[in-house]
Every structure is written in C-alpha cells, then in structure tokens.
Amino acid sequence: MSTAPGTPFHYEIEETENENDFKVTVVKCRGRLLSKNATEIREVVHPLILRGDRIVLDFADLEYVDSSGLGAIVGLKVSAMRHGLCVLELRNLTPWMKQLLTITNLLQLFSAISMKCRICGQELNIPFKPETLDCGGDCLKCMADSGDPECEETLRRLLDPDTRKREIDAYEAYRTRDAS
C-alpha cells in the first residue's frame, strides 16, 4: 500500500516470529518523517528496544525523511546497539533513502551485510549475544578484553541477569502504565 504525496508520518506495527521462533516487530513507516514528528518514532520504538528481540523499520512507504527524522533513526539504532539483546534493522529502503544513508556515511551502520570482528573474526550483532555488538568494527567482548572501560562496563551490565530483569520490569511498568 503506497501513500499519497505529502502524507503525514504514521505507522503500523506487526509482531511475528522468525524461523528460530524469536519475536520480530515490524514498524511499517508511512508518509513524511520530519522534525515536527520525529519524536513519534522514538516513542514507538524505544520501548521495543528495552524489550529486546528484533525490530524492523520498514520504509517501503516512507515518502521523505529530513535531518531530524534521520537523527531519530540513527539515535534508535545506537540505542539498540547499546542496549544489547536487540537488533534494529531497516528494510525496503527506497533508492533515495539508500542514497541519503550513503551520502551521510550511515549505510554501513544499517547494513544487513554480515560483518565480522576485525580482532577475533566473530560475526557481529548476533541477536541475544550482547558480546557480539559492533563497536566500530570490533566486537564488544574484544574491546572489553583490550581494557576499554566503557566496553567493560557495558558488557558487564548486558550480561548481568539482575540488570536485564530490572530493564524488562521497567519496560513492563511503562507498558502497563500506557494501557491504563
């Protein structure tokens, strides 16, 4: 379903499971993602990041993105990478969106191409394996092992079951608050 030119930003959410029975949430974006509505996509996707799993932003019917919209998308990707146990990917990029990501040197950030750690050769960004998070071409574990204090702390936080439980509980409280 395509959108009429000039359509305001709106979205639909579909939840499915992939071939490994992991939850996949698809956010079908439509219309124009602009500075005046960029917070809307943040408010929709950020709770999904806290929940974990795989999130797909489907841009087949996205008509236009301005710099604030692009900033929101990049911020969500960085949030997903930092949170761990979550993969955020883009799907159905239009030619102009691919060109925008290429010009801004962001295409690799959202690339679906399997990348490997330059140090250990491990595939990067494997769902539910936070130690494989991409830290600029190296995995989080290798960066932590090399003594990077921020990576050490992030890895410790992501692998700590108590921290993970607190984050899930916070998300559930947030979600039930909105339902009432």
C-alpha atoms as a PDB file:
ATOM      1  CA  MET A   1       0.000   0.000   0.000  1.00  0.00           C
ATOM      2  CA  SER A   2       1.599   3.278  -1.043  1.00  0.00           C
ATOM      3  CA  THR A   3       0.888   6.663   0.469  1.00  0.00           C
ATOM      4  CA  ALA A   4      -0.365   9.808  -1.216  1.00  0.00           C
ATOM      5  CA  PRO A   5       2.281  12.534  -1.681  1.00  0.00           C
ATOM      6  CA  GLY A   6       2.549  14.805   1.346  1.00  0.00           C
ATOM      7  CA  THR A   7       1.010  12.292   3.751  1.00  0.00           C
ATOM      8  CA  PRO A   8       1.898  12.959   7.414  1.00  0.00           C
ATOM      9  CA  PHE A   9       4.004  10.349   9.179  1.00  0.00           C
ATOM     10  CA  HIS A  10       2.125   7.366  10.551  1.00  0.00           C
ATOM     11  CA  TYR A  11       2.956   3.730  11.200  1.00  0.00           C
ATOM     12  CA  GLU A  12       1.584   0.241  11.689  1.00  0.00           C
ATOM     13  CA  ILE A  13       3.109  -2.374  13.975  1.00  0.00           C
ATOM     14  CA  GLU A  14       3.110  -6.098  13.204  1.00  0.00           C
ATOM     15  CA  GLU A  15       4.549  -8.742  15.506  1.00  0.00           C
ATOM     16  CA  THR A  16       5.633 -12.068  14.067  1.00  0.00           C
ATOM     17  CA  GLU A  17       8.182 -14.777  14.781  1.00  0.00           C
ATOM     18  CA  ASN A  18      11.164 -15.644  12.632  1.00  0.00           C
ATOM     19  CA  GLU A  19      12.354 -19.128  11.686  1.00  0.00           C
ATOM     20  CA  ASN A  20      14.043 -19.503  15.107  1.00  0.00           C
ATOM     21  CA  ASP A  21      10.840 -18.573  17.000  1.00  0.00           C
ATOM     22  CA  PHE A  22      12.279 -15.190  18.030  1.00  0.00           C
ATOM     23  CA  LYS A  23       9.871 -12.281  18.124  1.00  0.00           C
ATOM     24  CA  VAL A  24      10.189  -9.804  15.247  1.00  0.00           C
ATOM     25  CA  THR A  25       8.411  -6.465  15.474  1.00  0.00           C
ATOM     26  CA  VAL A  26       7.924  -4.716  12.133  1.00  0.00           C
ATOM     27  CA  VAL A  27       7.162  -0.988  12.218  1.00  0.00           C
ATOM     28  CA  LYS A  28       5.800  -0.041   8.798  1.00  0.00           C
ATOM     29  CA  CYS A  29       6.583   3.644   8.389  1.00  0.00           C
ATOM     30  CA  ARG A  30       4.471   5.726   6.031  1.00  0.00           C
ATOM     31  CA  GLY A  31       4.403   9.347   4.925  1.00  0.00           C
ATOM     32  CA  ARG A  32       6.964  12.024   5.818  1.00  0.00           C
ATOM     33  CA  LEU A  33       9.262  11.680   8.853  1.00  0.00           C
ATOM     34  CA  LEU A  34      10.070  15.295   9.762  1.00  0.00           C
ATOM     35  CA  SER A  35      11.337  17.344  12.695  1.00  0.00           C
ATOM     36  CA  LYS A  36       7.761  18.007  13.824  1.00  0.00           C
ATOM     37  CA  ASN A  37       7.017  14.268  14.194  1.00  0.00           C
ATOM     38  CA  ALA A  38      10.429  12.631  14.757  1.00  0.00           C
ATOM     39  CA  THR A  39       9.650  12.141  18.455  1.00  0.00           C
ATOM     40  CA  GLU A  40       6.739   9.908  17.432  1.00  0.00           C
ATOM     41  CA  ILE A  41       9.014   7.200  16.009  1.00  0.00           C
ATOM     42  CA  ARG A  42      11.277   7.460  19.082  1.00  0.00           C
ATOM     43  CA  GLU A  43       8.300   6.998  21.428  1.00  0.00           C
ATOM     44  CA  VAL A  44       7.106   3.960  19.477  1.00  0.00           C
ATOM     45  CA  VAL A  45      10.441   2.171  19.003  1.00  0.00           C
ATOM     46  CA  HIS A  46      12.318   2.919  22.247  1.00  0.00           C
ATOM     47  CA  PRO A  47      10.090   0.674  24.430  1.00  0.00           C
ATOM     48  CA  LEU A  48      10.568  -2.090  21.853  1.00  0.00           C
ATOM     49  CA  ILE A  49      14.344  -1.709  22.245  1.00  0.00           C
ATOM     50  CA  LEU A  50      14.035  -2.130  26.011  1.00  0.00           C
ATOM     51  CA  ARG A  51      12.073  -5.324  25.430  1.00  0.00           C
ATOM     52  CA  GLY A  52      14.785  -6.764  23.183  1.00  0.00           C
ATOM     53  CA  ASP A  53      14.255  -9.066  20.200  1.00  0.00           C
ATOM     54  CA  ARG A  54      14.457  -7.922  16.559  1.00  0.00           C
ATOM     55  CA  ILE A  55      12.929  -4.676  15.332  1.00  0.00           C
ATOM     56  CA  VAL A  56      12.497  -3.939  11.645  1.00  0.00           C
ATOM     57  CA  LEU A  57      11.717  -0.451  10.377  1.00  0.00           C
ATOM     58  CA  ASP A  58      10.019  -0.979   7.012  1.00  0.00           C
ATOM     59  CA  PHE A  59      10.482   2.088   4.792  1.00  0.00           C
ATOM     60  CA  ALA A  60       8.668   0.843   1.667  1.00  0.00           C
ATOM     61  CA  ASP A  61       6.052   3.607   2.040  1.00  0.00           C
ATOM     62  CA  LEU A  62       8.201   6.255   3.667  1.00  0.00           C
ATOM     63  CA  GLU A  63       7.969   9.257   1.391  1.00  0.00           C
ATOM     64  CA  TYR A  64      10.578  11.595   2.876  1.00  0.00           C
ATOM     65  CA  VAL A  65      12.969  11.950   5.837  1.00  0.00           C
ATOM     66  CA  ASP A  66      14.505  15.243   6.944  1.00  0.00           C
ATOM     67  CA  SER A  67      17.624  15.630   9.104  1.00  0.00           C
ATOM     68  CA  SER A  68      15.651  15.331  12.372  1.00  0.00           C
ATOM     69  CA  GLY A  69      13.947  12.166  11.147  1.00  0.00           C
ATOM     70  CA  LEU A  70      17.308  10.720  10.148  1.00  0.00           C
ATOM     71  CA  GLY A  71      18.699  11.720  13.542  1.00  0.00           C
ATOM     72  CA  ALA A  72      15.841   9.894  15.267  1.00  0.00           C
ATOM     73  CA  ILE A  73      16.530   6.725  13.252  1.00  0.00           C
ATOM     74  CA  VAL A  74      20.269   6.877  13.996  1.00  0.00           C
ATOM     75  CA  GLY A  75      19.561   7.510  17.687  1.00  0.00           C
ATOM     76  CA  LEU A  76      17.321   4.454  17.819  1.00  0.00           C
ATOM     77  CA  LYS A  77      19.983   2.307  16.135  1.00  0.00           C
ATOM     78  CA  VAL A  78      22.617   3.475  18.633  1.00  0.00           C
ATOM     79  CA  SER A  79      20.183   2.820  21.498  1.00  0.00           C
ATOM     80  CA  ALA A  80      19.543  -0.707  20.229  1.00  0.00           C
ATOM     81  CA  MET A  81      23.273  -1.387  19.908  1.00  0.00           C
ATOM     82  CA  ARG A  82      23.994  -0.071  23.406  1.00  0.00           C
ATOM     83  CA  HIS A  83      21.109  -1.943  24.976  1.00  0.00           C
ATOM     84  CA  GLY A  84      22.155  -5.276  23.516  1.00  0.00           C
ATOM     85  CA  LEU A  85      19.838  -8.244  23.120  1.00  0.00           C
ATOM     86  CA  CYS A  86      18.145  -6.191  20.428  1.00  0.00           C
ATOM     87  CA  VAL A  87      18.709  -5.828  16.705  1.00  0.00           C
ATOM     88  CA  LEU A  88      17.250  -2.878  14.812  1.00  0.00           C
ATOM     89  CA  GLU A  89      17.358  -3.056  11.049  1.00  0.00           C
ATOM     90  CA  LEU A  90      15.945  -1.173   8.099  1.00  0.00           C
ATOM     91  CA  ARG A  91      14.001  -2.916   5.357  1.00  0.00           C
ATOM     92  CA  ASN A  92      12.727  -1.888   1.919  1.00  0.00           C
ATOM     93  CA  LEU A  93      14.941   1.144   1.534  1.00  0.00           C
ATOM     94  CA  THR A  94      13.962   3.270  -1.430  1.00  0.00           C
ATOM     95  CA  PRO A  95      16.735   4.419  -3.774  1.00  0.00           C
ATOM     96  CA  TRP A  96      16.655   7.959  -2.318  1.00  0.00           C
ATOM     97  CA  MET A  97      16.919   6.574   1.244  1.00  0.00           C
ATOM     98  CA  LYS A  98      19.920   4.418   0.268  1.00  0.00           C
ATOM     99  CA  GLN A  99      21.482   7.492  -1.332  1.00  0.00           C
ATOM    100  CA  LEU A 100      20.835   9.568   1.809  1.00  0.00           C
ATOM    101  CA  LEU A 101      22.446   6.915   4.022  1.00  0.00           C
ATOM    102  CA  THR A 102      25.401   6.664   1.626  1.00  0.00           C
ATOM    103  CA  ILE A 103      25.960  10.446   1.438  1.00  0.00           C
ATOM    104  CA  THR A 104      25.856  10.710   5.231  1.00  0.00           C
ATOM    105  CA  ASN A 105      28.170   7.685   5.648  1.00  0.00           C
ATOM    106  CA  LEU A 106      25.468   5.840   7.605  1.00  0.00           C
ATOM    107  CA  LEU A 107      24.759   2.964   5.217  1.00  0.00           C
ATOM    108  CA  GLN A 108      27.241   0.661   6.968  1.00  0.00           C
ATOM    109  CA  LEU A 109      25.567   1.356  10.326  1.00  0.00           C
ATOM    110  CA  PHE A 110      22.324  -0.062   8.941  1.00  0.00           C
ATOM    111  CA  SER A 111      23.844  -2.602   6.567  1.00  0.00           C
ATOM    112  CA  ALA A 112      22.269  -6.040   6.519  1.00  0.00           C
ATOM    113  CA  ILE A 113      25.577  -7.454   5.324  1.00  0.00           C
ATOM    114  CA  SER A 114      27.053  -9.805   7.881  1.00  0.00           C
ATOM    115  CA  MET A 115      30.141  -8.193   9.360  1.00  0.00           C
ATOM    116  CA  LYS A 116      32.861  -9.824  11.412  1.00  0.00           C
ATOM    117  CA  CYS A 117      35.010  -8.543  14.257  1.00  0.00           C
ATOM    118  CA  ARG A 118      38.403  -7.392  12.982  1.00  0.00           C
ATOM    119  CA  ILE A 119      40.116  -8.931  16.035  1.00  0.00           C
ATOM    120  CA  CYS A 120      38.530 -12.346  16.615  1.00  0.00           C
ATOM    121  CA  GLY A 121      36.516 -12.884  13.408  1.00  0.00           C
ATOM    122  CA  GLN A 122      33.212 -13.417  15.286  1.00  0.00           C
ATOM    123  CA  GLU A 123      30.073 -12.331  13.390  1.00  0.00           C
ATOM    124  CA  LEU A 124      28.822  -9.016  14.773  1.00  0.00           C
ATOM    125  CA  ASN A 125      25.378  -8.122  16.130  1.00  0.00           C
ATOM    126  CA  ILE A 126      24.075 -11.637  16.723  1.00  0.00           C
ATOM    127  CA  PRO A 127      20.676 -11.437  18.470  1.00  0.00           C
ATOM    128  CA  PHE A 128      20.767 -12.346  22.172  1.00  0.00           C
ATOM    129  CA  LYS A 129      24.596 -12.312  22.207  1.00  0.00           C
ATOM    130  CA  PRO A 130      25.484  -8.854  23.534  1.00  0.00           C
ATOM    131  CA  GLU A 131      29.204  -9.640  23.464  1.00  0.00           C
ATOM    132  CA  THR A 132      28.960  -9.532  19.641  1.00  0.00           C
ATOM    133  CA  LEU A 133      27.747  -5.913  19.492  1.00  0.00           C
ATOM    134  CA  ASP A 134      29.594  -3.901  16.850  1.00  0.00           C
ATOM    135  CA  CYS A 135      31.938  -1.345  18.407  1.00  0.00           C
ATOM    136  CA  GLY A 136      33.265   0.256  15.241  1.00  0.00           C
ATOM    137  CA  GLY A 137      34.287  -2.990  13.565  1.00  0.00           C
ATOM    138  CA  ASP A 138      35.338  -4.860  16.703  1.00  0.00           C
ATOM    139  CA  CYS A 139      33.041  -6.867  18.963  1.00  0.00           C
ATOM    140  CA  LEU A 140      32.168  -5.626  22.441  1.00  0.00           C
ATOM    141  CA  LYS A 141      33.996  -8.568  24.059  1.00  0.00           C
ATOM    142  CA  CYS A 142      37.270  -7.845  22.263  1.00  0.00           C
ATOM    143  CA  MET A 143      37.027  -4.171  23.142  1.00  0.00           C
ATOM    144  CA  ALA A 144      36.336  -5.044  26.785  1.00  0.00           C
ATOM    145  CA  ASP A 145      39.202  -7.575  26.792  1.00  0.00           C
ATOM    146  CA  SER A 146      41.522  -4.871  25.443  1.00  0.00           C
ATOM    147  CA  GLY A 147      40.781  -2.771  28.529  1.00  0.00           C
ATOM    148  CA  ASP A 148      38.266  -0.209  27.233  1.00  0.00           C
ATOM    149  CA  PRO A 149      36.493   0.778  30.496  1.00  0.00           C
ATOM    150  CA  GLU A 150      33.205   1.802  28.829  1.00  0.00           C
ATOM    151  CA  CYS A 151      33.051  -1.512  26.953  1.00  0.00           C
ATOM    152  CA  GLU A 152      33.922  -3.451  30.110  1.00  0.00           C
ATOM    153  CA  GLU A 153      31.057  -1.753  31.984  1.00  0.00           C
ATOM    154  CA  THR A 154      28.609  -2.197  29.092  1.00  0.00           C
ATOM    155  CA  LEU A 155      29.447  -5.888  28.740  1.00  0.00           C
ATOM    156  CA  ARG A 156      29.130  -6.436  32.491  1.00  0.00           C
ATOM    157  CA  ARG A 157      25.749  -4.672  32.507  1.00  0.00           C
ATOM    158  CA  LEU A 158      24.425  -6.576  29.499  1.00  0.00           C
ATOM    159  CA  LEU A 159      25.461  -9.977  30.830  1.00  0.00           C
ATOM    160  CA  ASP A 160      24.149  -9.355  34.373  1.00  0.00           C
ATOM    161  CA  PRO A 161      20.783 -11.165  34.715  1.00  0.00           C
ATOM    162  CA  ASP A 162      19.640  -8.834  37.535  1.00  0.00           C
ATOM    163  CA  THR A 163      20.201  -5.763  35.354  1.00  0.00           C
ATOM    164  CA  ARG A 164      18.356  -7.379  32.461  1.00  0.00           C
ATOM    165  CA  LYS A 165      15.421  -8.251  34.761  1.00  0.00           C
ATOM    166  CA  ARG A 166      15.252  -4.652  36.056  1.00  0.00           C
ATOM    167  CA  GLU A 167      15.173  -3.323  32.488  1.00  0.00           C
ATOM    168  CA  ILE A 168      12.395  -5.740  31.494  1.00  0.00           C
ATOM    169  CA  ASP A 169      10.420  -4.861  34.652  1.00  0.00           C
ATOM    170  CA  ALA A 170      10.809  -1.141  33.881  1.00  0.00           C
ATOM    171  CA  TYR A 171       9.532  -1.732  30.354  1.00  0.00           C
ATOM    172  CA  GLU A 172       6.542  -3.746  31.625  1.00  0.00           C
ATOM    173  CA  ALA A 173       5.691  -0.975  34.126  1.00  0.00           C
ATOM    174  CA  TYR A 174       5.935   1.594  31.322  1.00  0.00           C
ATOM    175  CA  ARG A 175       3.762  -0.511  29.020  1.00  0.00           C
ATOM    176  CA  THR A 176       1.049  -1.207  31.628  1.00  0.00           C
ATOM    177  CA  ARG A 177       1.004   2.474  32.607  1.00  0.00           C
ATOM    178  CA  ASP A 178       0.116   3.352  28.991  1.00  0.00           C
ATOM    179  CA  ALA A 179      -2.582   0.680  28.852  1.00  0.00           C
ATOM    180  CA  SER A 180      -4.487   2.120  31.826  1.00  0.00           C
END
